[in-house]
Amino acid sequence: MLLIKAKIFNVVDGSSIDHGSINHANHTLWKSKDAKARINILFHCSEKKLLALNKLKTSKNIWDRLKLIYEKSNKASQVNFHK
């Protein structure tokens, strides 16, 4: 919700891509939005996850890694729940 409210989720979900080689102004705007999104995501992570995620270059990379982590975790929880 925070990323949507700040109008930066389009950078995180990949619907807004970096056009740096096409237009310098758009590239600068994209980098600014990406930096804000990275900060917002990382600020809400545990210290353990922060250390691993901070190495990733873009907010989309971080978001995708978190989705992978939590989707695996959720599937494991579902399996344990049904036992």
C-alpha atoms as a PDB file:
ATOM      1  CA  MET A   1       0.000   0.000   0.000  1.00  0.00           C
ATOM      2  CA  LEU A   2       2.821   2.374   0.875  1.00  0.00           C
ATOM      3  CA  LEU A   3       4.486   1.895  -2.504  1.00  0.00           C
ATOM      4  CA  ILE A   4       1.188   2.395  -4.329  1.00  0.00           C
ATOM      5  CA  LYS A   5       0.385   5.528  -2.326  1.00  0.00           C
ATOM      6  CA  ALA A   6       3.844   6.934  -3.110  1.00  0.00           C
ATOM      7  CA  LYS A   7       3.210   6.158  -6.812  1.00  0.00           C
ATOM      8  CA  ILE A   8       6.366   4.061  -7.065  1.00  0.00           C
ATOM      9  CA  PHE A   9       4.958   0.526  -7.234  1.00  0.00           C
ATOM     10  CA  ASN A  10       5.173   0.604 -11.037  1.00  0.00           C
ATOM     11  CA  VAL A  11       8.970   0.544 -10.659  1.00  0.00           C
ATOM     12  CA  VAL A  12       8.800  -2.379  -8.229  1.00  0.00           C
ATOM     13  CA  ASP A  13       6.433  -4.550 -10.274  1.00  0.00           C
ATOM     14  CA  GLY A  14       8.348  -3.902 -13.500  1.00  0.00           C
ATOM     15  CA  SER A  15       5.583  -2.063 -15.350  1.00  0.00           C
ATOM     16  CA  SER A  16       7.856   0.995 -15.464  1.00  0.00           C
ATOM     17  CA  ILE A  17      11.219   0.085 -16.920  1.00  0.00           C
ATOM     18  CA  ASP A  18      14.493   1.998 -17.069  1.00  0.00           C
ATOM     19  CA  HIS A  19      14.721   3.836 -20.381  1.00  0.00           C
ATOM     20  CA  GLY A  20      18.157   5.267 -19.611  1.00  0.00           C
ATOM     21  CA  SER A  21      19.528   4.682 -23.064  1.00  0.00           C
ATOM     22  CA  ILE A  22      16.534   6.411 -24.686  1.00  0.00           C
ATOM     23  CA  ASN A  23      15.844   9.484 -22.558  1.00  0.00           C
ATOM     24  CA  HIS A  24      18.053  10.939 -19.832  1.00  0.00           C
ATOM     25  CA  ALA A  25      15.164  12.687 -18.039  1.00  0.00           C
ATOM     26  CA  ASN A  26      13.129   9.473 -17.843  1.00  0.00           C
ATOM     27  CA  HIS A  27      16.192   7.568 -16.662  1.00  0.00           C
ATOM     28  CA  THR A  28      16.763  10.091 -13.871  1.00  0.00           C
ATOM     29  CA  LEU A  29      13.107   9.925 -12.812  1.00  0.00           C
ATOM     30  CA  TRP A  30      13.152   6.109 -12.878  1.00  0.00           C
ATOM     31  CA  LYS A  31      16.333   5.983 -10.770  1.00  0.00           C
ATOM     32  CA  SER A  32      14.783   8.369  -8.241  1.00  0.00           C
ATOM     33  CA  LYS A  33      11.613   6.280  -7.966  1.00  0.00           C
ATOM     34  CA  ASP A  34      13.641   3.070  -7.749  1.00  0.00           C
ATOM     35  CA  ALA A  35      15.777   4.496  -4.923  1.00  0.00           C
ATOM     36  CA  LYS A  36      12.644   5.523  -2.990  1.00  0.00           C
ATOM     37  CA  ALA A  37      11.113   2.095  -3.492  1.00  0.00           C
ATOM     38  CA  ARG A  38      14.309   0.306  -2.387  1.00  0.00           C
ATOM     39  CA  ILE A  39      14.456   2.411   0.779  1.00  0.00           C
ATOM     40  CA  ASN A  40      10.788   1.768   1.583  1.00  0.00           C
ATOM     41  CA  ILE A  41      11.088  -1.974   1.064  1.00  0.00           C
ATOM     42  CA  LEU A  42      14.370  -2.381   2.930  1.00  0.00           C
ATOM     43  CA  PHE A  43      13.167  -0.207   5.829  1.00  0.00           C
ATOM     44  CA  HIS A  44      10.425  -2.749   6.513  1.00  0.00           C
ATOM     45  CA  CYS A  45      12.685  -5.817   6.430  1.00  0.00           C
ATOM     46  CA  SER A  46      14.314  -7.586   9.317  1.00  0.00           C
ATOM     47  CA  GLU A  47      18.018  -6.984   9.829  1.00  0.00           C
ATOM     48  CA  LYS A  48      18.807 -10.511   8.624  1.00  0.00           C
ATOM     49  CA  LYS A  49      16.899 -10.044   5.371  1.00  0.00           C
ATOM     50  CA  LEU A  50      18.267  -6.521   4.969  1.00  0.00           C
ATOM     51  CA  LEU A  51      21.830  -7.835   4.818  1.00  0.00           C
ATOM     52  CA  ALA A  52      20.943 -10.238   2.005  1.00  0.00           C
ATOM     53  CA  LEU A  53      18.609  -7.945   0.070  1.00  0.00           C
ATOM     54  CA  ASN A  54      20.730  -4.797   0.206  1.00  0.00           C
ATOM     55  CA  LYS A  55      23.130  -6.382  -2.305  1.00  0.00           C
ATOM     56  CA  LEU A  56      20.434  -6.433  -5.000  1.00  0.00           C
ATOM     57  CA  LYS A  57      20.548  -3.534  -7.450  1.00  0.00           C
ATOM     58  CA  THR A  58      16.918  -2.582  -8.030  1.00  0.00           C
ATOM     59  CA  SER A  59      13.669  -2.482  -6.098  1.00  0.00           C
ATOM     60  CA  LYS A  60      12.239  -5.013  -8.585  1.00  0.00           C
ATOM     61  CA  ASN A  61      15.104  -7.417  -7.827  1.00  0.00           C
ATOM     62  CA  ILE A  62      14.391  -7.046  -4.107  1.00  0.00           C
ATOM     63  CA  TRP A  63      10.638  -7.466  -4.603  1.00  0.00           C
ATOM     64  CA  ASP A  64      11.111 -10.566  -6.727  1.00  0.00           C
ATOM     65  CA  ARG A  65      13.438 -12.130  -4.145  1.00  0.00           C
ATOM     66  CA  LEU A  66      10.958 -11.404  -1.336  1.00  0.00           C
ATOM     67  CA  LYS A  67       8.138 -12.943  -3.376  1.00  0.00           C
ATOM     68  CA  LEU A  68      10.245 -16.047  -3.901  1.00  0.00           C
ATOM     69  CA  ILE A  69      11.097 -16.288  -0.188  1.00  0.00           C
ATOM     70  CA  TYR A  70       7.539 -15.777   1.020  1.00  0.00           C
ATOM     71  CA  GLU A  71       5.916 -17.964  -1.633  1.00  0.00           C
ATOM     72  CA  LYS A  72       8.175 -20.848  -0.562  1.00  0.00           C
ATOM     73  CA  SER A  73       7.451 -20.096   3.087  1.00  0.00           C
ATOM     74  CA  ASN A  74       3.715 -19.961   2.443  1.00  0.00           C
ATOM     75  CA  LYS A  75       3.752 -23.286   0.566  1.00  0.00           C
ATOM     76  CA  ALA A  76       5.676 -24.924   3.408  1.00  0.00           C
ATOM     77  CA  SER A  77       3.180 -23.513   5.917  1.00  0.00           C
ATOM     78  CA  GLN A  78       0.277 -24.875   3.887  1.00  0.00           C
ATOM     79  CA  VAL A  79       1.841 -28.332   3.762  1.00  0.00           C
ATOM     80  CA  ASN A  80       2.495 -28.304   7.524  1.00  0.00           C
ATOM     81  CA  PHE A  81      -1.033 -27.064   8.201  1.00  0.00           C
ATOM     82  CA  HIS A  82      -2.579 -30.004   6.343  1.00  0.00           C
ATOM     83  CA  LYS A  83      -0.495 -32.647   8.194  1.00  0.00           C
END
